[in-house]
mmCIF file of all heavy atoms, coordinates in Angstrom:
data_MODEL
# 
_entry.id   MODEL 
# 
loop_
_atom_site.group_PDB 
_atom_site.id 
_atom_site.type_symbol 
_atom_site.label_atom_id 
_atom_site.label_alt_id 
_atom_site.label_comp_id 
_atom_site.label_asym_id 
_atom_site.label_entity_id 
_atom_site.label_seq_id 
_atom_site.pdbx_PDB_ins_code 
_atom_site.Cartn_x 
_atom_site.Cartn_y 
_atom_site.Cartn_z 
_atom_site.occupancy 
_atom_site.B_iso_or_equiv 
_atom_site.pdbx_formal_charge 
_atom_site.auth_seq_id 
_atom_site.auth_comp_id 
_atom_site.auth_asym_id 
_atom_site.auth_atom_id 
_atom_site.pdbx_PDB_model_num 
ATOM 1   N N   . ILE A 1 1  ? 124.246 83.725  92.500 1.00 0.00 ? 1  ILE A N   1 
ATOM 2   C CA  . ILE A 1 1  ? 124.880 84.978  92.090 1.00 0.00 ? 1  ILE A CA  1 
ATOM 3   C C   . ILE A 1 1  ? 124.020 85.702  91.059 1.00 0.00 ? 1  ILE A C   1 
ATOM 4   O O   . ILE A 1 1  ? 123.965 86.921  91.015 1.00 0.00 ? 1  ILE A O   1 
ATOM 5   C CB  . ILE A 1 1  ? 126.289 84.704  91.523 1.00 0.00 ? 1  ILE A CB  1 
ATOM 6   C CG1 . ILE A 1 1  ? 127.173 84.077  92.615 1.00 0.00 ? 1  ILE A CG1 1 
ATOM 7   C CG2 . ILE A 1 1  ? 126.929 85.977  90.993 1.00 0.00 ? 1  ILE A CG2 1 
ATOM 8   C CD1 . ILE A 1 1  ? 128.545 83.679  92.138 1.00 0.00 ? 1  ILE A CD1 1 
ATOM 9   N N   . VAL A 1 2  ? 123.339 84.944  90.218 1.00 0.00 ? 2  VAL A N   1 
ATOM 10  C CA  . VAL A 1 2  ? 122.498 85.540  89.173 1.00 0.00 ? 2  VAL A CA  1 
ATOM 11  C C   . VAL A 1 2  ? 121.165 86.031  89.750 1.00 0.00 ? 2  VAL A C   1 
ATOM 12  O O   . VAL A 1 2  ? 120.631 87.068  89.342 1.00 0.00 ? 2  VAL A O   1 
ATOM 13  C CB  . VAL A 1 2  ? 122.238 84.502  88.054 1.00 0.00 ? 2  VAL A CB  1 
ATOM 14  C CG1 . VAL A 1 2  ? 121.238 85.049  87.038 1.00 0.00 ? 2  VAL A CG1 1 
ATOM 15  C CG2 . VAL A 1 2  ? 123.542 84.134  87.374 1.00 0.00 ? 2  VAL A CG2 1 
ATOM 16  N N   . GLY A 1 3  ? 120.654 85.293  90.752 1.00 0.00 ? 3  GLY A N   1 
ATOM 17  C CA  . GLY A 1 3  ? 119.304 85.578  91.247 1.00 0.00 ? 3  GLY A CA  1 
ATOM 18  C C   . GLY A 1 3  ? 119.149 86.952  91.874 1.00 0.00 ? 3  GLY A C   1 
ATOM 19  O O   . GLY A 1 3  ? 118.157 87.648  91.628 1.00 0.00 ? 3  GLY A O   1 
ATOM 20  N N   . TYR A 1 4  ? 120.131 87.361  92.675 1.00 0.00 ? 4  TYR A N   1 
ATOM 21  C CA  . TYR A 1 4  ? 119.978 88.625  93.395 1.00 0.00 ? 4  TYR A CA  1 
ATOM 22  C C   . TYR A 1 4  ? 120.027 89.852  92.487 1.00 0.00 ? 4  TYR A C   1 
ATOM 23  O O   . TYR A 1 4  ? 119.176 90.743  92.613 1.00 0.00 ? 4  TYR A O   1 
ATOM 24  C CB  . TYR A 1 4  ? 121.020 88.725  94.509 1.00 0.00 ? 4  TYR A CB  1 
ATOM 25  C CG  . TYR A 1 4  ? 120.685 87.843  95.691 1.00 0.00 ? 4  TYR A CG  1 
ATOM 26  C CD1 . TYR A 1 4  ? 121.447 86.735  95.984 1.00 0.00 ? 4  TYR A CD1 1 
ATOM 27  C CD2 . TYR A 1 4  ? 119.579 88.126  96.491 1.00 0.00 ? 4  TYR A CD2 1 
ATOM 28  C CE1 . TYR A 1 4  ? 121.127 85.920  97.060 1.00 0.00 ? 4  TYR A CE1 1 
ATOM 29  C CE2 . TYR A 1 4  ? 119.256 87.313  97.563 1.00 0.00 ? 4  TYR A CE2 1 
ATOM 30  C CZ  . TYR A 1 4  ? 120.036 86.217  97.849 1.00 0.00 ? 4  TYR A CZ  1 
ATOM 31  O OH  . TYR A 1 4  ? 119.715 85.411  98.909 1.00 0.00 ? 4  TYR A OH  1 
ATOM 32  N N   . PRO A 1 5  ? 121.003 89.950  91.552 1.00 0.00 ? 5  PRO A N   1 
ATOM 33  C CA  . PRO A 1 5  ? 120.922 91.098  90.640 1.00 0.00 ? 5  PRO A CA  1 
ATOM 34  C C   . PRO A 1 5  ? 119.683 91.066  89.759 1.00 0.00 ? 5  PRO A C   1 
ATOM 35  O O   . PRO A 1 5  ? 119.144 92.117  89.406 1.00 0.00 ? 5  PRO A O   1 
ATOM 36  C CB  . PRO A 1 5  ? 122.210 90.974  89.806 1.00 0.00 ? 5  PRO A CB  1 
ATOM 37  C CG  . PRO A 1 5  ? 122.674 89.576  89.985 1.00 0.00 ? 5  PRO A CG  1 
ATOM 38  C CD  . PRO A 1 5  ? 122.234 89.177  91.340 1.00 0.00 ? 5  PRO A CD  1 
ATOM 39  N N   . LEU A 1 6  ? 119.204 89.858  89.413 1.00 0.00 ? 6  LEU A N   1 
ATOM 40  C CA  . LEU A 1 6  ? 117.966 89.775  88.646 1.00 0.00 ? 6  LEU A CA  1 
ATOM 41  C C   . LEU A 1 6  ? 116.797 90.326  89.456 1.00 0.00 ? 6  LEU A C   1 
ATOM 42  O O   . LEU A 1 6  ? 115.937 91.044  88.930 1.00 0.00 ? 6  LEU A O   1 
ATOM 43  C CB  . LEU A 1 6  ? 117.699 88.317  88.262 1.00 0.00 ? 6  LEU A CB  1 
ATOM 44  C CG  . LEU A 1 6  ? 116.413 88.046  87.479 1.00 0.00 ? 6  LEU A CG  1 
ATOM 45  C CD1 . LEU A 1 6  ? 116.428 88.806  86.155 1.00 0.00 ? 6  LEU A CD1 1 
ATOM 46  C CD2 . LEU A 1 6  ? 116.229 86.553  87.235 1.00 0.00 ? 6  LEU A CD2 1 
ATOM 47  N N   . ALA A 1 7  ? 116.790 90.014  90.756 1.00 0.00 ? 7  ALA A N   1 
ATOM 48  C CA  . ALA A 1 7  ? 115.743 90.565  91.626 1.00 0.00 ? 7  ALA A CA  1 
ATOM 49  C C   . ALA A 1 7  ? 115.832 92.084  91.679 1.00 0.00 ? 7  ALA A C   1 
ATOM 50  O O   . ALA A 1 7  ? 114.806 92.785  91.679 1.00 0.00 ? 7  ALA A O   1 
ATOM 51  C CB  . ALA A 1 7  ? 115.873 89.975  93.024 1.00 0.00 ? 7  ALA A CB  1 
ATOM 52  N N   . GLY A 1 8  ? 117.063 92.608  91.716 1.00 0.00 ? 8  GLY A N   1 
ATOM 53  C CA  . GLY A 1 8  ? 117.230 94.062  91.727 1.00 0.00 ? 8  GLY A CA  1 
ATOM 54  C C   . GLY A 1 8  ? 116.696 94.706  90.461 1.00 0.00 ? 8  GLY A C   1 
ATOM 55  O O   . GLY A 1 8  ? 116.061 95.765  90.509 1.00 0.00 ? 8  GLY A O   1 
ATOM 56  N N   . LEU A 1 9  ? 116.922 94.062  89.318 1.00 0.00 ? 9  LEU A N   1 
ATOM 57  C CA  . LEU A 1 9  ? 116.409 94.598  88.056 1.00 0.00 ? 9  LEU A CA  1 
ATOM 58  C C   . LEU A 1 9  ? 114.884 94.564  88.018 1.00 0.00 ? 9  LEU A C   1 
ATOM 59  O O   . LEU A 1 9  ? 114.244 95.493  87.510 1.00 0.00 ? 9  LEU A O   1 
ATOM 60  C CB  . LEU A 1 9  ? 116.986 93.797  86.885 1.00 0.00 ? 9  LEU A CB  1 
ATOM 61  C CG  . LEU A 1 9  ? 118.491 93.961  86.630 1.00 0.00 ? 9  LEU A CG  1 
ATOM 62  C CD1 . LEU A 1 9  ? 118.949 93.014  85.527 1.00 0.00 ? 9  LEU A CD1 1 
ATOM 63  C CD2 . LEU A 1 9  ? 118.809 95.408  86.258 1.00 0.00 ? 9  LEU A CD2 1 
ATOM 64  N N   . VAL A 1 10 ? 114.307 93.487  88.557 1.00 0.00 ? 10 VAL A N   1 
ATOM 65  C CA  . VAL A 1 10 ? 112.838 93.396  88.598 1.00 0.00 ? 10 VAL A CA  1 
ATOM 66  C C   . VAL A 1 10 ? 112.267 94.501  89.482 1.00 0.00 ? 10 VAL A C   1 
ATOM 67  O O   . VAL A 1 10 ? 111.255 95.131  89.144 1.00 0.00 ? 10 VAL A O   1 
ATOM 68  C CB  . VAL A 1 10 ? 112.413 92.004  89.102 1.00 0.00 ? 10 VAL A CB  1 
ATOM 69  C CG1 . VAL A 1 10 ? 110.896 91.962  89.342 1.00 0.00 ? 10 VAL A CG1 1 
ATOM 70  C CG2 . VAL A 1 10 ? 112.813 90.924  88.109 1.00 0.00 ? 10 VAL A CG2 1 
ATOM 71  N N   . LEU A 1 11 ? 112.910 94.735  90.632 1.00 0.00 ? 11 LEU A N   1 
ATOM 72  C CA  . LEU A 1 11 ? 112.451 95.819  91.507 1.00 0.00 ? 11 LEU A CA  1 
ATOM 73  C C   . LEU A 1 11 ? 112.553 97.166  90.812 1.00 0.00 ? 11 LEU A C   1 
ATOM 74  O O   . LEU A 1 11 ? 111.658 98.018  90.929 1.00 0.00 ? 11 LEU A O   1 
ATOM 75  C CB  . LEU A 1 11 ? 113.273 95.829  92.797 1.00 0.00 ? 11 LEU A CB  1 
ATOM 76  C CG  . LEU A 1 11 ? 112.970 94.738  93.836 1.00 0.00 ? 11 LEU A CG  1 
ATOM 77  C CD1 . LEU A 1 11 ? 113.967 94.810  94.976 1.00 0.00 ? 11 LEU A CD1 1 
ATOM 78  C CD2 . LEU A 1 11 ? 111.546 94.873  94.369 1.00 0.00 ? 11 LEU A CD2 1 
ATOM 79  N N   . LEU A 1 12 ? 113.654 97.379  90.082 1.00 0.00 ? 12 LEU A N   1 
ATOM 80  C CA  . LEU A 1 12 ? 113.831 98.640  89.372 1.00 0.00 ? 12 LEU A CA  1 
ATOM 81  C C   . LEU A 1 12 ? 112.793 98.804  88.281 1.00 0.00 ? 12 LEU A C   1 
ATOM 82  O O   . LEU A 1 12 ? 112.216 99.880  88.106 1.00 0.00 ? 12 LEU A O   1 
ATOM 83  C CB  . LEU A 1 12 ? 115.244 98.683  88.778 1.00 0.00 ? 12 LEU A CB  1 
ATOM 84  C CG  . LEU A 1 12 ? 115.655 99.983  88.078 1.00 0.00 ? 12 LEU A CG  1 
ATOM 85  C CD1 . LEU A 1 12 ? 115.686 101.127 89.079 1.00 0.00 ? 12 LEU A CD1 1 
ATOM 86  C CD2 . LEU A 1 12 ? 117.027 99.815  87.428 1.00 0.00 ? 12 LEU A CD2 1 
ATOM 87  N N   . TRP A 1 13 ? 112.521 97.722  87.564 1.00 0.00 ? 13 TRP A N   1 
ATOM 88  C CA  . TRP A 1 13 ? 111.557 97.755  86.460 1.00 0.00 ? 13 TRP A CA  1 
ATOM 89  C C   . TRP A 1 13 ? 110.129 97.958  86.966 1.00 0.00 ? 13 TRP A C   1 
ATOM 90  O O   . TRP A 1 13 ? 109.313 98.646  86.335 1.00 0.00 ? 13 TRP A O   1 
ATOM 91  C CB  . TRP A 1 13 ? 111.666 96.466  85.665 1.00 0.00 ? 13 TRP A CB  1 
ATOM 92  C CG  . TRP A 1 13 ? 110.554 96.262  84.666 1.00 0.00 ? 13 TRP A CG  1 
ATOM 93  C CD1 . TRP A 1 13 ? 110.397 96.898  83.475 1.00 0.00 ? 13 TRP A CD1 1 
ATOM 94  C CD2 . TRP A 1 13 ? 109.446 95.371  84.811 1.00 0.00 ? 13 TRP A CD2 1 
ATOM 95  N NE1 . TRP A 1 13 ? 109.257 96.458  82.850 1.00 0.00 ? 13 TRP A NE1 1 
ATOM 96  C CE2 . TRP A 1 13 ? 108.653 95.525  83.651 1.00 0.00 ? 13 TRP A CE2 1 
ATOM 97  C CE3 . TRP A 1 13 ? 109.062 94.467  85.782 1.00 0.00 ? 13 TRP A CE3 1 
ATOM 98  C CZ2 . TRP A 1 13 ? 107.482 94.795  83.460 1.00 0.00 ? 13 TRP A CZ2 1 
ATOM 99  C CZ3 . TRP A 1 13 ? 107.911 93.742  85.596 1.00 0.00 ? 13 TRP A CZ3 1 
ATOM 100 C CH2 . TRP A 1 13 ? 107.132 93.906  84.451 1.00 0.00 ? 13 TRP A CH2 1 
ATOM 101 N N   . SER A 1 14 ? 109.814 97.360  88.121 1.00 0.00 ? 14 SER A N   1 
ATOM 102 C CA  . SER A 1 14 ? 108.445 97.410  88.642 1.00 0.00 ? 14 SER A CA  1 
ATOM 103 C C   . SER A 1 14 ? 108.242 98.519  89.673 1.00 0.00 ? 14 SER A C   1 
ATOM 104 O O   . SER A 1 14 ? 107.194 98.560  90.328 1.00 0.00 ? 14 SER A O   1 
ATOM 105 C CB  . SER A 1 14 ? 108.089 96.067  89.287 1.00 0.00 ? 14 SER A CB  1 
ATOM 106 O OG  . SER A 1 14 ? 108.941 95.806  90.390 1.00 0.00 ? 14 SER A OG  1 
ATOM 107 N N   . HIS A 1 15 ? 109.239 99.412  89.811 1.00 0.00 ? 15 HIS A N   1 
ATOM 108 C CA  . HIS A 1 15 ? 109.147 100.507 90.783 1.00 0.00 ? 15 HIS A CA  1 
ATOM 109 C C   . HIS A 1 15 ? 108.908 99.978  92.198 1.00 0.00 ? 15 HIS A C   1 
ATOM 110 O O   . HIS A 1 15 ? 108.015 100.419 92.927 1.00 0.00 ? 15 HIS A O   1 
ATOM 111 C CB  . HIS A 1 15 ? 108.036 101.498 90.378 1.00 0.00 ? 15 HIS A CB  1 
ATOM 112 C CG  . HIS A 1 15 ? 108.211 102.069 89.007 1.00 0.00 ? 15 HIS A CG  1 
ATOM 113 N ND1 . HIS A 1 15 ? 109.191 102.990 88.691 1.00 0.00 ? 15 HIS A ND1 1 
ATOM 114 C CD2 . HIS A 1 15 ? 107.545 101.795 87.842 1.00 0.00 ? 15 HIS A CD2 1 
ATOM 115 C CE1 . HIS A 1 15 ? 109.118 103.294 87.403 1.00 0.00 ? 15 HIS A CE1 1 
ATOM 116 N NE2 . HIS A 1 15 ? 108.133 102.587 86.861 1.00 0.00 ? 15 HIS A NE2 1 
ATOM 117 N N   . ASN A 1 16 ? 109.751 98.984  92.574 1.00 0.00 ? 16 ASN A N   1 
ATOM 118 C CA  . ASN A 1 16 ? 109.769 98.405  93.927 1.00 0.00 ? 16 ASN A CA  1 
ATOM 119 C C   . ASN A 1 16 ? 108.493 97.639  94.283 1.00 0.00 ? 16 ASN A C   1 
ATOM 120 O O   . ASN A 1 16 ? 108.181 97.471  95.467 1.00 0.00 ? 16 ASN A O   1 
ATOM 121 C CB  . ASN A 1 16 ? 110.038 99.483  94.985 1.00 0.00 ? 16 ASN A CB  1 
ATOM 122 C CG  . ASN A 1 16 ? 111.461 100.009 94.905 1.00 0.00 ? 16 ASN A CG  1 
ATOM 123 O OD1 . ASN A 1 16 ? 112.396 99.243  94.700 1.00 0.00 ? 16 ASN A OD1 1 
ATOM 124 N ND2 . ASN A 1 16 ? 111.616 101.311 95.050 1.00 0.00 ? 16 ASN A ND2 1 
ATOM 125 N N   . GLN A 1 17 ? 107.786 97.153  93.295 1.00 0.00 ? 17 GLN A N   1 
ATOM 126 C CA  . GLN A 1 17 ? 106.655 96.271  93.546 1.00 0.00 ? 17 GLN A CA  1 
ATOM 127 C C   . GLN A 1 17 ? 107.154 94.822  93.584 1.00 0.00 ? 17 GLN A C   1 
ATOM 128 O O   . GLN A 1 17 ? 107.891 94.400  92.701 1.00 0.00 ? 17 GLN A O   1 
ATOM 129 C CB  . GLN A 1 17 ? 105.588 96.430  92.455 1.00 0.00 ? 17 GLN A CB  1 
ATOM 130 C CG  . GLN A 1 17 ? 104.982 97.818  92.392 1.00 0.00 ? 17 GLN A CG  1 
ATOM 131 C CD  . GLN A 1 17 ? 104.257 98.192  93.663 1.00 0.00 ? 17 GLN A CD  1 
ATOM 132 O OE1 . GLN A 1 17 ? 103.487 97.395  94.222 1.00 0.00 ? 17 GLN A OE1 1 
ATOM 133 N NE2 . GLN A 1 17 ? 104.501 99.403  94.152 1.00 0.00 ? 17 GLN A NE2 1 
ATOM 134 N N   . THR A 1 18 ? 106.745 94.074  94.600 1.00 0.00 ? 18 THR A N   1 
ATOM 135 C CA  . THR A 1 18 ? 107.314 92.736  94.809 1.00 0.00 ? 18 THR A CA  1 
ATOM 136 C C   . THR A 1 18 ? 106.476 91.608  94.203 1.00 0.00 ? 18 THR A C   1 
ATOM 137 O O   . THR A 1 18 ? 106.870 90.450  94.287 1.00 0.00 ? 18 THR A O   1 
ATOM 138 C CB  . THR A 1 18 ? 107.470 92.471  96.320 1.00 0.00 ? 18 THR A CB  1 
ATOM 139 O OG1 . THR A 1 18 ? 106.192 92.584  96.959 1.00 0.00 ? 18 THR A OG1 1 
ATOM 140 C CG2 . THR A 1 18 ? 108.441 93.458  96.946 1.00 0.00 ? 18 THR A CG2 1 
ATOM 141 N N   . THR A 1 19 ? 105.330 91.913  93.606 1.00 0.00 ? 19 THR A N   1 
ATOM 142 C CA  . THR A 1 19 ? 104.460 90.860  93.087 1.00 0.00 ? 19 THR A CA  1 
ATOM 143 C C   . THR A 1 19 ? 105.176 89.980  92.064 1.00 0.00 ? 19 THR A C   1 
ATOM 144 O O   . THR A 1 19 ? 105.111 88.750  92.120 1.00 0.00 ? 19 THR A O   1 
ATOM 145 C CB  . THR A 1 19 ? 103.202 91.478  92.452 1.00 0.00 ? 19 THR A CB  1 
ATOM 146 O OG1 . THR A 1 19 ? 102.523 92.271  93.431 1.00 0.00 ? 19 THR A OG1 1 
ATOM 147 C CG2 . THR A 1 19 ? 102.260 90.391  91.953 1.00 0.00 ? 19 THR A CG2 1 
ATOM 148 N N   . ALA A 1 20 ? 105.874 90.620  91.129 1.00 0.00 ? 20 ALA A N   1 
ATOM 149 C CA  . ALA A 1 20 ? 106.576 89.857  90.091 1.00 0.00 ? 20 ALA A CA  1 
ATOM 150 C C   . ALA A 1 20 ? 107.650 88.959  90.695 1.00 0.00 ? 20 ALA A C   1 
ATOM 151 O O   . ALA A 1 20 ? 107.873 87.837  90.232 1.00 0.00 ? 20 ALA A O   1 
ATOM 152 C CB  . ALA A 1 20 ? 107.191 90.819  89.075 1.00 0.00 ? 20 ALA A CB  1 
ATOM 153 N N   . LEU A 1 21 ? 108.303 89.447  91.756 1.00 0.00 ? 21 LEU A N   1 
ATOM 154 C CA  . LEU A 1 21 ? 109.346 88.642  92.404 1.00 0.00 ? 21 LEU A CA  1 
ATOM 155 C C   . LEU A 1 21 ? 108.767 87.362  92.996 1.00 0.00 ? 21 LEU A C   1 
ATOM 156 O O   . LEU A 1 21 ? 109.343 86.279  92.865 1.00 0.00 ? 21 LEU A O   1 
ATOM 157 C CB  . LEU A 1 21 ? 110.034 89.449  93.501 1.00 0.00 ? 21 LEU A CB  1 
ATOM 158 C CG  . LEU A 1 21 ? 111.033 90.521  93.039 1.00 0.00 ? 21 LEU A CG  1 
ATOM 159 C CD1 . LEU A 1 21 ? 111.581 91.273  94.236 1.00 0.00 ? 21 LEU A CD1 1 
ATOM 160 C CD2 . LEU A 1 21 ? 112.151 89.886  92.250 1.00 0.00 ? 21 LEU A CD2 1 
ATOM 161 N N   . PHE A 1 22 ? 107.626 87.483  93.658 1.00 0.00 ? 22 PHE A N   1 
ATOM 162 C CA  . PHE A 1 22 ? 107.009 86.302  94.264 1.00 0.00 ? 22 PHE A CA  1 
ATOM 163 C C   . PHE A 1 22 ? 106.521 85.317  93.202 1.00 0.00 ? 22 PHE A C   1 
ATOM 164 O O   . PHE A 1 22 ? 106.594 84.097  93.384 1.00 0.00 ? 22 PHE A O   1 
ATOM 165 C CB  . PHE A 1 22 ? 105.859 86.714  95.189 1.00 0.00 ? 22 PHE A CB  1 
ATOM 166 C CG  . PHE A 1 22 ? 106.320 87.200  96.526 1.00 0.00 ? 22 PHE A CG  1 
ATOM 167 C CD1 . PHE A 1 22 ? 106.287 88.540  96.845 1.00 0.00 ? 22 PHE A CD1 1 
ATOM 168 C CD2 . PHE A 1 22 ? 106.803 86.305  97.482 1.00 0.00 ? 22 PHE A CD2 1 
ATOM 169 C CE1 . PHE A 1 22 ? 106.719 88.992  98.080 1.00 0.00 ? 22 PHE A CE1 1 
ATOM 170 C CE2 . PHE A 1 22 ? 107.236 86.744  98.715 1.00 0.00 ? 22 PHE A CE2 1 
ATOM 171 C CZ  . PHE A 1 22 ? 107.201 88.092  99.020 1.00 0.00 ? 22 PHE A CZ  1 
ATOM 172 N N   . LEU A 1 23 ? 106.029 85.822  92.075 1.00 0.00 ? 23 LEU A N   1 
ATOM 173 C CA  . LEU A 1 23 ? 105.612 84.936  90.996 1.00 0.00 ? 23 LEU A CA  1 
ATOM 174 C C   . LEU A 1 23 ? 106.805 84.174  90.421 1.00 0.00 ? 23 LEU A C   1 
ATOM 175 O O   . LEU A 1 23 ? 106.738 82.958  90.209 1.00 0.00 ? 23 LEU A O   1 
ATOM 176 C CB  . LEU A 1 23 ? 104.920 85.747  89.899 1.00 0.00 ? 23 LEU A CB  1 
ATOM 177 C CG  . LEU A 1 23 ? 103.539 86.316  90.250 1.00 0.00 ? 23 LEU A CG  1 
ATOM 178 C CD1 . LEU A 1 23 ? 103.031 87.210  89.126 1.00 0.00 ? 23 LEU A CD1 1 
ATOM 179 C CD2 . LEU A 1 23 ? 102.544 85.182  90.514 1.00 0.00 ? 23 LEU A CD2 1 
ATOM 180 N N   . LEU A 1 24 ? 107.901 84.892  90.173 1.00 0.00 ? 24 LEU A N   1 
ATOM 181 C CA  . LEU A 1 24 ? 109.103 84.237  89.665 1.00 0.00 ? 24 LEU A CA  1 
ATOM 182 C C   . LEU A 1 24 ? 109.659 83.232  90.677 1.00 0.00 ? 24 LEU A C   1 
ATOM 183 O O   . LEU A 1 24 ? 110.096 82.140  90.316 1.00 0.00 ? 24 LEU A O   1 
ATOM 184 C CB  . LEU A 1 24 ? 110.163 85.288  89.326 1.00 0.00 ? 24 LEU A CB  1 
ATOM 185 C CG  . LEU A 1 24 ? 109.870 86.176  88.108 1.00 0.00 ? 24 LEU A CG  1 
ATOM 186 C CD1 . LEU A 1 24 ? 110.905 87.295  88.013 1.00 0.00 ? 24 LEU A CD1 1 
ATOM 187 C CD2 . LEU A 1 24 ? 109.857 85.350  86.831 1.00 0.00 ? 24 LEU A CD2 1 
ATOM 188 N N   . ASP A 1 25 ? 109.624 83.610  91.940 1.00 0.00 ? 25 ASP A N   1 
ATOM 189 C CA  . ASP A 1 25 ? 110.119 82.713  92.990 1.00 0.00 ? 25 ASP A CA  1 
ATOM 190 C C   . ASP A 1 25 ? 109.275 81.437  93.039 1.00 0.00 ? 25 ASP A C   1 
ATOM 191 O O   . ASP A 1 25 ? 109.798 80.330  93.191 1.00 0.00 ? 25 ASP A O   1 
ATOM 192 C CB  . ASP A 1 25 ? 110.064 83.440  94.337 1.00 0.00 ? 25 ASP A CB  1 
ATOM 193 C CG  . ASP A 1 25 ? 110.932 82.753  95.381 1.00 0.00 ? 25 ASP A CG  1 
ATOM 194 O OD1 . ASP A 1 25 ? 111.950 82.156  95.008 1.00 0.00 ? 25 ASP A OD1 1 
ATOM 195 O OD2 . ASP A 1 25 ? 110.590 82.828  96.573 1.00 0.00 ? 25 ASP A OD2 1 
ATOM 196 N N   . GLY A 1 26 ? 107.964 81.606  92.911 1.00 0.00 ? 26 GLY A N   1 
ATOM 197 C CA  . GLY A 1 26 ? 107.083 80.440  92.904 1.00 0.00 ? 26 GLY A CA  1 
ATOM 198 C C   . GLY A 1 26 ? 107.369 79.507  91.740 1.00 0.00 ? 26 GLY A C   1 
ATOM 199 O O   . GLY A 1 26 ? 107.332 78.282  91.891 1.00 0.00 ? 26 GLY A O   1 
ATOM 200 N N   . LEU A 1 27 ? 107.679 80.080  90.579 1.00 0.00 ? 27 LEU A N   1 
ATOM 201 C CA  . LEU A 1 27 ? 107.997 79.264  89.414 1.00 0.00 ? 27 LEU A CA  1 
ATOM 202 C C   . LEU A 1 27 ? 109.285 78.460  89.629 1.00 0.00 ? 27 LEU A C   1 
ATOM 203 O O   . LEU A 1 27 ? 109.397 77.323  89.169 1.00 0.00 ? 27 LEU A O   1 
ATOM 204 C CB  . LEU A 1 27 ? 108.129 80.146  88.172 1.00 0.00 ? 27 LEU A CB  1 
ATOM 205 C CG  . LEU A 1 27 ? 106.823 80.752  87.641 1.00 0.00 ? 27 LEU A CG  1 
ATOM 206 C CD1 . LEU A 1 27 ? 107.105 81.704  86.485 1.00 0.00 ? 27 LEU A CD1 1 
ATOM 207 C CD2 . LEU A 1 27 ? 105.851 79.650  87.212 1.00 0.00 ? 27 LEU A CD2 1 
ATOM 208 N N   . THR A 1 28 ? 110.273 79.050  90.324 1.00 0.00 ? 28 THR A N   1 
ATOM 209 C CA  . THR A 1 28 ? 111.510 78.306  90.575 1.00 0.00 ? 28 THR A CA  1 
ATOM 210 C C   . THR A 1 28 ? 111.243 77.107  91.482 1.00 0.00 ? 28 THR A C   1 
ATOM 211 O O   . THR A 1 28 ? 111.823 76.027  91.285 1.00 0.00 ? 28 THR A O   1 
ATOM 212 C CB  . THR A 1 28 ? 112.577 79.209  91.218 1.00 0.00 ? 28 THR A CB  1 
ATOM 213 O OG1 . THR A 1 28 ? 112.138 79.646  92.508 1.00 0.00 ? 28 THR A OG1 1 
ATOM 214 C CG2 . THR A 1 28 ? 112.874 80.405  90.337 1.00 0.00 ? 28 THR A CG2 1 
ATOM 215 N N   . PHE A 1 29 ? 110.384 77.273  92.485 1.00 0.00 ? 29 PHE A N   1 
ATOM 216 C CA  . PHE A 1 29 ? 110.052 76.143  93.354 1.00 0.00 ? 29 PHE A CA  1 
ATOM 217 C C   . PHE A 1 29 ? 109.274 75.079  92.593 1.00 0.00 ? 29 PHE A C   1 
ATOM 218 O O   . PHE A 1 29 ? 109.474 73.876  92.803 1.00 0.00 ? 29 PHE A O   1 
ATOM 219 C CB  . PHE A 1 29 ? 109.233 76.625  94.565 1.00 0.00 ? 29 PHE A CB  1 
ATOM 220 C CG  . PHE A 1 29 ? 110.080 77.221  95.645 1.00 0.00 ? 29 PHE A CG  1 
ATOM 221 C CD1 . PHE A 1 29 ? 110.158 78.592  95.795 1.00 0.00 ? 29 PHE A CD1 1 
ATOM 222 C CD2 . PHE A 1 29 ? 110.801 76.417  96.519 1.00 0.00 ? 29 PHE A CD2 1 
ATOM 223 C CE1 . PHE A 1 29 ? 110.945 79.156  96.789 1.00 0.00 ? 29 PHE A CE1 1 
ATOM 224 C CE2 . PHE A 1 29 ? 111.588 76.961  97.511 1.00 0.00 ? 29 PHE A CE2 1 
ATOM 225 C CZ  . PHE A 1 29 ? 111.660 78.341  97.645 1.00 0.00 ? 29 PHE A CZ  1 
ATOM 226 N N   . LEU A 1 30 ? 108.390 75.522  91.713 1.00 0.00 ? 30 LEU A N   1 
ATOM 227 C CA  . LEU A 1 30 ? 107.641 74.571  90.896 1.00 0.00 ? 30 LEU A CA  1 
ATOM 228 C C   . LEU A 1 30 ? 108.585 73.788  89.996 1.00 0.00 ? 30 LEU A C   1 
ATOM 229 O O   . LEU A 1 30 ? 108.469 72.556  89.869 1.00 0.00 ? 30 LEU A O   1 
ATOM 230 C CB  . LEU A 1 30 ? 106.595 75.310  90.058 1.00 0.00 ? 30 LEU A CB  1 
ATOM 231 C CG  . LEU A 1 30 ? 105.758 74.435  89.110 1.00 0.00 ? 30 LEU A CG  1 
ATOM 232 C CD1 . LEU A 1 30 ? 104.972 73.394  89.903 1.00 0.00 ? 30 LEU A CD1 1 
ATOM 233 C CD2 . LEU A 1 30 ? 104.811 75.302  88.287 1.00 0.00 ? 30 LEU A CD2 1 
# 
């Protein structure tokens, strides 16, 4: 429930750039 709105905020902050999302996603898997 927390992850998806956080992703929306990252998209809003980065002007729809997905690089930061993939980095954060990679850290969660790590």
